[in-house]
Amino acid sequence: MPDIKLKCTDCGQPFLFTEREQAFYAKKGFNTQPKRCEDCRKKRDEKLRRTRQEKSGGSW
């Protein structure tokens, strides 16, 4: 299973879906490939975390 070059849906930059990541996804039962590069995933996660905190009225 070779590395796969994908294009991030957010920033449009290419990123690698490594053989190791593919094995992890398969082990977890995920049937899709990632859509975002690592940097954009982190930015999206942080944005979602802030949104949840604002809705809950503060930090944990």
PDB file of N, CA and C in Angstrom:
ATOM      1  N   MET A   1       0.848  -1.171   0.000  1.00  0.00           N
ATOM      2  CA  MET A   1       0.000   0.000   0.000  1.00  0.00           C
ATOM      3  C   MET A   1       0.904   1.248   0.000  1.00  0.00           C
ATOM      4  N   PRO A   2       1.111   1.870  -1.144  1.00  0.00           N
ATOM      5  CA  PRO A   2       1.977   3.057  -1.214  1.00  0.00           C
ATOM      6  C   PRO A   2       1.287   4.309  -0.672  1.00  0.00           C
ATOM      7  N   ASP A   3       2.091   5.328  -0.356  1.00  0.00           N
ATOM      8  CA  ASP A   3       1.536   6.618   0.049  1.00  0.00           C
ATOM      9  C   ASP A   3       0.675   7.169  -1.083  1.00  0.00           C
ATOM     10  N   ILE A   4      -0.373   7.893  -0.712  1.00  0.00           N
ATOM     11  CA  ILE A   4      -1.285   8.486  -1.691  1.00  0.00           C
ATOM     12  C   ILE A   4      -1.209  10.002  -1.560  1.00  0.00           C
ATOM     13  N   LYS A   5      -1.072  10.686  -2.688  1.00  0.00           N
ATOM     14  CA  LYS A   5      -1.048  12.143  -2.693  1.00  0.00           C
ATOM     15  C   LYS A   5      -2.477  12.645  -2.881  1.00  0.00           C
ATOM     16  N   LEU A   6      -2.957  13.441  -1.904  1.00  0.00           N
ATOM     17  CA  LEU A   6      -4.312  13.988  -1.941  1.00  0.00           C
ATOM     18  C   LEU A   6      -4.257  15.509  -1.969  1.00  0.00           C
ATOM     19  N   LYS A   7      -5.376  16.132  -2.285  1.00  0.00           N
ATOM     20  CA  LYS A   7      -5.478  17.589  -2.309  1.00  0.00           C
ATOM     21  C   LYS A   7      -6.433  18.032  -1.208  1.00  0.00           C
ATOM     22  N   CYS A   8      -5.988  18.951  -0.361  1.00  0.00           N
ATOM     23  CA  CYS A   8      -6.792  19.466   0.743  1.00  0.00           C
ATOM     24  C   CYS A   8      -7.980  20.260   0.191  1.00  0.00           C
ATOM     25  N   THR A   9      -9.169  19.980   0.716  1.00  0.00           N
ATOM     26  CA  THR A   9     -10.368  20.679   0.252  1.00  0.00           C
ATOM     27  C   THR A   9     -10.445  22.110   0.770  1.00  0.00           C
ATOM     28  N   ASP A  10      -9.702  22.423   1.837  1.00  0.00           N
ATOM     29  CA  ASP A  10      -9.726  23.777   2.393  1.00  0.00           C
ATOM     30  C   ASP A  10      -8.698  24.693   1.732  1.00  0.00           C
ATOM     31  N   CYS A  11      -7.436  24.289   1.753  1.00  0.00           N
ATOM     32  CA  CYS A  11      -6.375  25.171   1.248  1.00  0.00           C
ATOM     33  C   CYS A  11      -5.915  24.825  -0.164  1.00  0.00           C
ATOM     34  N   GLY A  12      -6.288  23.650  -0.653  1.00  0.00           N
ATOM     35  CA  GLY A  12      -5.933  23.248  -2.006  1.00  0.00           C
ATOM     36  C   GLY A  12      -4.522  22.703  -2.158  1.00  0.00           C
ATOM     37  N   GLN A  13      -3.777  22.626  -1.074  1.00  0.00           N
ATOM     38  CA  GLN A  13      -2.402  22.136  -1.134  1.00  0.00           C
ATOM     39  C   GLN A  13      -2.380  20.607  -1.125  1.00  0.00           C
ATOM     40  N   PRO A  14      -1.399  20.025  -1.822  1.00  0.00           N
ATOM     41  CA  PRO A  14      -1.272  18.565  -1.783  1.00  0.00           C
ATOM     42  C   PRO A  14      -0.722  18.100  -0.435  1.00  0.00           C
ATOM     43  N   PHE A  15      -1.128  16.915  -0.019  1.00  0.00           N
ATOM     44  CA  PHE A  15      -0.585  16.305   1.194  1.00  0.00           C
ATOM     45  C   PHE A  15      -0.575  14.795   1.014  1.00  0.00           C
ATOM     46  N   LEU A  16       0.269  14.122   1.783  1.00  0.00           N
ATOM     47  CA  LEU A  16       0.383  12.679   1.680  1.00  0.00           C
ATOM     48  C   LEU A  16      -0.502  11.970   2.693  1.00  0.00           C
ATOM     49  N   PHE A  17      -1.175  10.966   2.221  1.00  0.00           N
ATOM     50  CA  PHE A  17      -1.911  10.026   3.066  1.00  0.00           C
ATOM     51  C   PHE A  17      -0.997   8.812   3.131  1.00  0.00           C
ATOM     52  N   THR A  18      -0.206   8.761   4.188  1.00  0.00           N
ATOM     53  CA  THR A  18       0.867   7.778   4.265  1.00  0.00           C
ATOM     54  C   THR A  18       0.344   6.353   4.434  1.00  0.00           C
ATOM     55  N   GLU A  19       1.217   5.428   4.147  1.00  0.00           N
ATOM     56  CA  GLU A  19       0.900   4.014   4.303  1.00  0.00           C
ATOM     57  C   GLU A  19       0.483   3.718   5.748  1.00  0.00           C
ATOM     58  N   ARG A  20       1.177   4.330   6.689  1.00  0.00           N
ATOM     59  CA  ARG A  20       0.875   4.140   8.111  1.00  0.00           C
ATOM     60  C   ARG A  20      -0.518   4.687   8.455  1.00  0.00           C
ATOM     61  N   GLU A  21      -0.846   5.894   7.927  1.00  0.00           N
ATOM     62  CA  GLU A  21      -2.173   6.468   8.170  1.00  0.00           C
ATOM     63  C   GLU A  21      -3.262   5.604   7.540  1.00  0.00           C
ATOM     64  N   GLN A  22      -3.000   5.077   6.362  1.00  0.00           N
ATOM     65  CA  GLN A  22      -3.964   4.209   5.697  1.00  0.00           C
ATOM     66  C   GLN A  22      -4.250   2.967   6.543  1.00  0.00           C
ATOM     67  N   ALA A  23      -3.206   2.396   7.125  1.00  0.00           N
ATOM     68  CA  ALA A  23      -3.364   1.222   7.981  1.00  0.00           C
ATOM     69  C   ALA A  23      -4.198   1.583   9.214  1.00  0.00           C
ATOM     70  N   PHE A  24      -3.945   2.755   9.796  1.00  0.00           N
ATOM     71  CA  PHE A  24      -4.710   3.208  10.951  1.00  0.00           C
ATOM     72  C   PHE A  24      -6.182   3.366  10.584  1.00  0.00           C
ATOM     73  N   TYR A  25      -6.458   4.028   9.459  1.00  0.00           N
ATOM     74  CA  TYR A  25      -7.840   4.218   9.020  1.00  0.00           C
ATOM     75  C   TYR A  25      -8.530   2.871   8.826  1.00  0.00           C
ATOM     76  N   ALA A  26      -7.838   1.927   8.197  1.00  0.00           N
ATOM     77  CA  ALA A  26      -8.405   0.602   7.949  1.00  0.00           C
ATOM     78  C   ALA A  26      -8.697  -0.111   9.269  1.00  0.00           C
ATOM     79  N   LYS A  27      -7.771  -0.013  10.223  1.00  0.00           N
ATOM     80  CA  LYS A  27      -7.941  -0.657  11.519  1.00  0.00           C
ATOM     81  C   LYS A  27      -9.163  -0.096  12.254  1.00  0.00           C
ATOM     82  N   LYS A  28      -9.397   1.221  12.128  1.00  0.00           N
ATOM     83  CA  LYS A  28     -10.533   1.866  12.778  1.00  0.00           C
ATOM     84  C   LYS A  28     -11.845   1.668  12.015  1.00  0.00           C
ATOM     85  N   GLY A  29     -11.765   1.105  10.807  1.00  0.00           N
ATOM     86  CA  GLY A  29     -12.967   0.858  10.022  1.00  0.00           C
ATOM     87  C   GLY A  29     -13.435   2.050   9.210  1.00  0.00           C
ATOM     88  N   PHE A  30     -12.576   3.055   9.053  1.00  0.00           N
ATOM     89  CA  PHE A  30     -12.940   4.219   8.242  1.00  0.00           C
ATOM     90  C   PHE A  30     -12.898   3.832   6.770  1.00  0.00           C
ATOM     91  N   ASN A  31     -13.925   4.210   6.019  1.00  0.00           N
ATOM     92  CA  ASN A  31     -14.008   3.842   4.609  1.00  0.00           C
ATOM     93  C   ASN A  31     -13.647   4.974   3.664  1.00  0.00           C
ATOM     94  N   THR A  32     -13.290   6.136   4.213  1.00  0.00           N
ATOM     95  CA  THR A  32     -12.966   7.284   3.371  1.00  0.00           C
ATOM     96  C   THR A  32     -11.549   7.768   3.648  1.00  0.00           C
ATOM     97  N   GLN A  33     -11.022   8.527   2.715  1.00  0.00           N
ATOM     98  CA  GLN A  33      -9.709   9.148   2.882  1.00  0.00           C
ATOM     99  C   GLN A  33      -9.900  10.522   3.506  1.00  0.00           C
ATOM    100  N   PRO A  34      -8.855  11.048   4.156  1.00  0.00           N
ATOM    101  CA  PRO A  34      -8.979  12.394   4.720  1.00  0.00           C
ATOM    102  C   PRO A  34      -9.166  13.425   3.610  1.00  0.00           C
ATOM    103  N   LYS A  35      -9.865  14.500   3.934  1.00  0.00           N
ATOM    104  CA  LYS A  35     -10.123  15.562   2.958  1.00  0.00           C
ATOM    105  C   LYS A  35      -9.258  16.782   3.202  1.00  0.00           C
ATOM    106  N   ARG A  36      -8.701  16.878   4.412  1.00  0.00           N
ATOM    107  CA  ARG A  36      -7.922  18.061   4.783  1.00  0.00           C
ATOM    108  C   ARG A  36      -6.509  17.673   5.189  1.00  0.00           C
ATOM    109  N   CYS A  37      -5.578  18.586   4.927  1.00  0.00           N
ATOM    110  CA  CYS A  37      -4.204  18.398   5.379  1.00  0.00           C
ATOM    111  C   CYS A  37      -4.163  18.567   6.903  1.00  0.00           C
ATOM    112  N   GLU A  38      -3.052  18.201   7.499  1.00  0.00           N
ATOM    113  CA  GLU A  38      -2.944  18.249   8.958  1.00  0.00           C
ATOM    114  C   GLU A  38      -3.175  19.658   9.507  1.00  0.00           C
ATOM    115  N   ASP A  39      -2.594  20.673   8.860  1.00  0.00           N
ATOM    116  CA  ASP A  39      -2.767  22.052   9.338  1.00  0.00           C
ATOM    117  C   ASP A  39      -4.231  22.479   9.291  1.00  0.00           C
ATOM    118  N   CYS A  40      -4.922  22.173   8.202  1.00  0.00           N
ATOM    119  CA  CYS A  40      -6.326  22.560   8.090  1.00  0.00           C
ATOM    120  C   CYS A  40      -7.204  21.763   9.046  1.00  0.00           C
ATOM    121  N   ARG A  41      -6.862  20.502   9.313  1.00  0.00           N
ATOM    122  CA  ARG A  41      -7.618  19.723  10.308  1.00  0.00           C
ATOM    123  C   ARG A  41      -7.487  20.365  11.679  1.00  0.00           C
ATOM    124  N   LYS A  42      -6.258  20.791  12.023  1.00  0.00           N
ATOM    125  CA  LYS A  42      -6.044  21.429  13.324  1.00  0.00           C
ATOM    126  C   LYS A  42      -6.835  22.728  13.430  1.00  0.00           C
ATOM    127  N   LYS A  43      -6.808  23.530  12.364  1.00  0.00           N
ATOM    128  CA  LYS A  43      -7.553  24.793  12.364  1.00  0.00           C
ATOM    129  C   LYS A  43      -9.053  24.533  12.506  1.00  0.00           C
ATOM    130  N   ARG A  44      -9.567  23.533  11.797  1.00  0.00           N
ATOM    131  CA  ARG A  44     -10.992  23.211  11.855  1.00  0.00           C
ATOM    132  C   ARG A  44     -11.367  22.706  13.246  1.00  0.00           C
ATOM    133  N   ASP A  45     -10.528  21.840  13.810  1.00  0.00           N
ATOM    134  CA  ASP A  45     -10.799  21.327  15.155  1.00  0.00           C
ATOM    135  C   ASP A  45     -10.840  22.455  16.182  1.00  0.00           C
ATOM    136  N   GLU A  46      -9.905  23.391  16.080  1.00  0.00           N
ATOM    137  CA  GLU A  46      -9.862  24.511  17.019  1.00  0.00           C
ATOM    138  C   GLU A  46     -11.104  25.394  16.858  1.00  0.00           C
ATOM    139  N   LYS A  47     -11.502  25.629  15.620  1.00  0.00           N
ATOM    140  CA  LYS A  47     -12.701  26.434  15.369  1.00  0.00           C
ATOM    141  C   LYS A  47     -13.936  25.754  15.961  1.00  0.00           C
ATOM    142  N   LEU A  48     -14.064  24.446  15.770  1.00  0.00           N
ATOM    143  CA  LEU A  48     -15.200  23.708  16.334  1.00  0.00           C
ATOM    144  C   LEU A  48     -15.167  23.729  17.856  1.00  0.00           C
ATOM    145  N   ARG A  49     -13.979  23.611  18.427  1.00  0.00           N
ATOM    146  CA  ARG A  49     -13.828  23.635  19.888  1.00  0.00           C
ATOM    147  C   ARG A  49     -14.274  24.986  20.446  1.00  0.00           C
ATOM    148  N   ARG A  50     -13.850  26.076  19.801  1.00  0.00           N
ATOM    149  CA  ARG A  50     -14.247  27.421  20.253  1.00  0.00           C
ATOM    150  C   ARG A  50     -15.758  27.605  20.146  1.00  0.00           C
ATOM    151  N   THR A  51     -16.351  27.115  19.056  1.00  0.00           N
ATOM    152  CA  THR A  51     -17.790  27.230  18.860  1.00  0.00           C
ATOM    153  C   THR A  51     -18.540  26.493  19.961  1.00  0.00           C
ATOM    154  N   ARG A  52     -18.085  25.288  20.300  1.00  0.00           N
ATOM    155  CA  ARG A  52     -18.723  24.520  21.369  1.00  0.00           C
ATOM    156  C   ARG A  52     -18.601  25.232  22.707  1.00  0.00           C
ATOM    157  N   GLN A  53     -17.439  25.829  22.971  1.00  0.00           N
ATOM    158  CA  GLN A  53     -17.234  26.547  24.229  1.00  0.00           C
ATOM    159  C   GLN A  53     -18.146  27.760  24.318  1.00  0.00           C
ATOM    160  N   GLU A  54     -18.299  28.467  23.208  1.00  0.00           N
ATOM    161  CA  GLU A  54     -19.172  29.637  23.199  1.00  0.00           C
ATOM    162  C   GLU A  54     -20.628  29.226  23.448  1.00  0.00           C
ATOM    163  N   LYS A  55     -21.046  28.125  22.872  1.00  0.00           N
ATOM    164  CA  LYS A  55     -22.422  27.656  23.052  1.00  0.00           C
ATOM    165  C   LYS A  55     -22.666  27.162  24.470  1.00  0.00           C
ATOM    166  N   SER A  56     -21.623  26.588  25.085  1.00  0.00           N
ATOM    167  CA  SER A  56     -21.798  26.051  26.442  1.00  0.00           C
ATOM    168  C   SER A  56     -21.575  27.125  27.517  1.00  0.00           C
ATOM    169  N   GLY A  57     -21.140  28.288  27.104  1.00  0.00           N
ATOM    170  CA  GLY A  57     -20.995  29.380  28.058  1.00  0.00           C
ATOM    171  C   GLY A  57     -19.657  29.479  28.727  1.00  0.00           C
ATOM    172  N   GLY A  58     -18.634  28.887  28.144  1.00  0.00           N
ATOM    173  CA  GLY A  58     -17.310  29.025  28.744  1.00  0.00           C
ATOM    174  C   GLY A  58     -16.430  27.834  28.493  1.00  0.00           C
ATOM    175  N   SER A  59     -15.297  27.842  29.154  1.00  0.00           N
ATOM    176  CA  SER A  59     -14.335  26.766  28.979  1.00  0.00           C
ATOM    177  C   SER A  59     -14.661  25.616  29.920  1.00  0.00           C
ATOM    178  N   TRP A  60     -13.998  24.537  29.733  1.00  0.00           N
ATOM    179  CA  TRP A  60     -14.224  23.317  30.533  1.00  0.00           C
ATOM    180  C   TRP A  60     -13.643  23.534  31.852  1.00  0.00           C
TER     181      TRP A  60
END
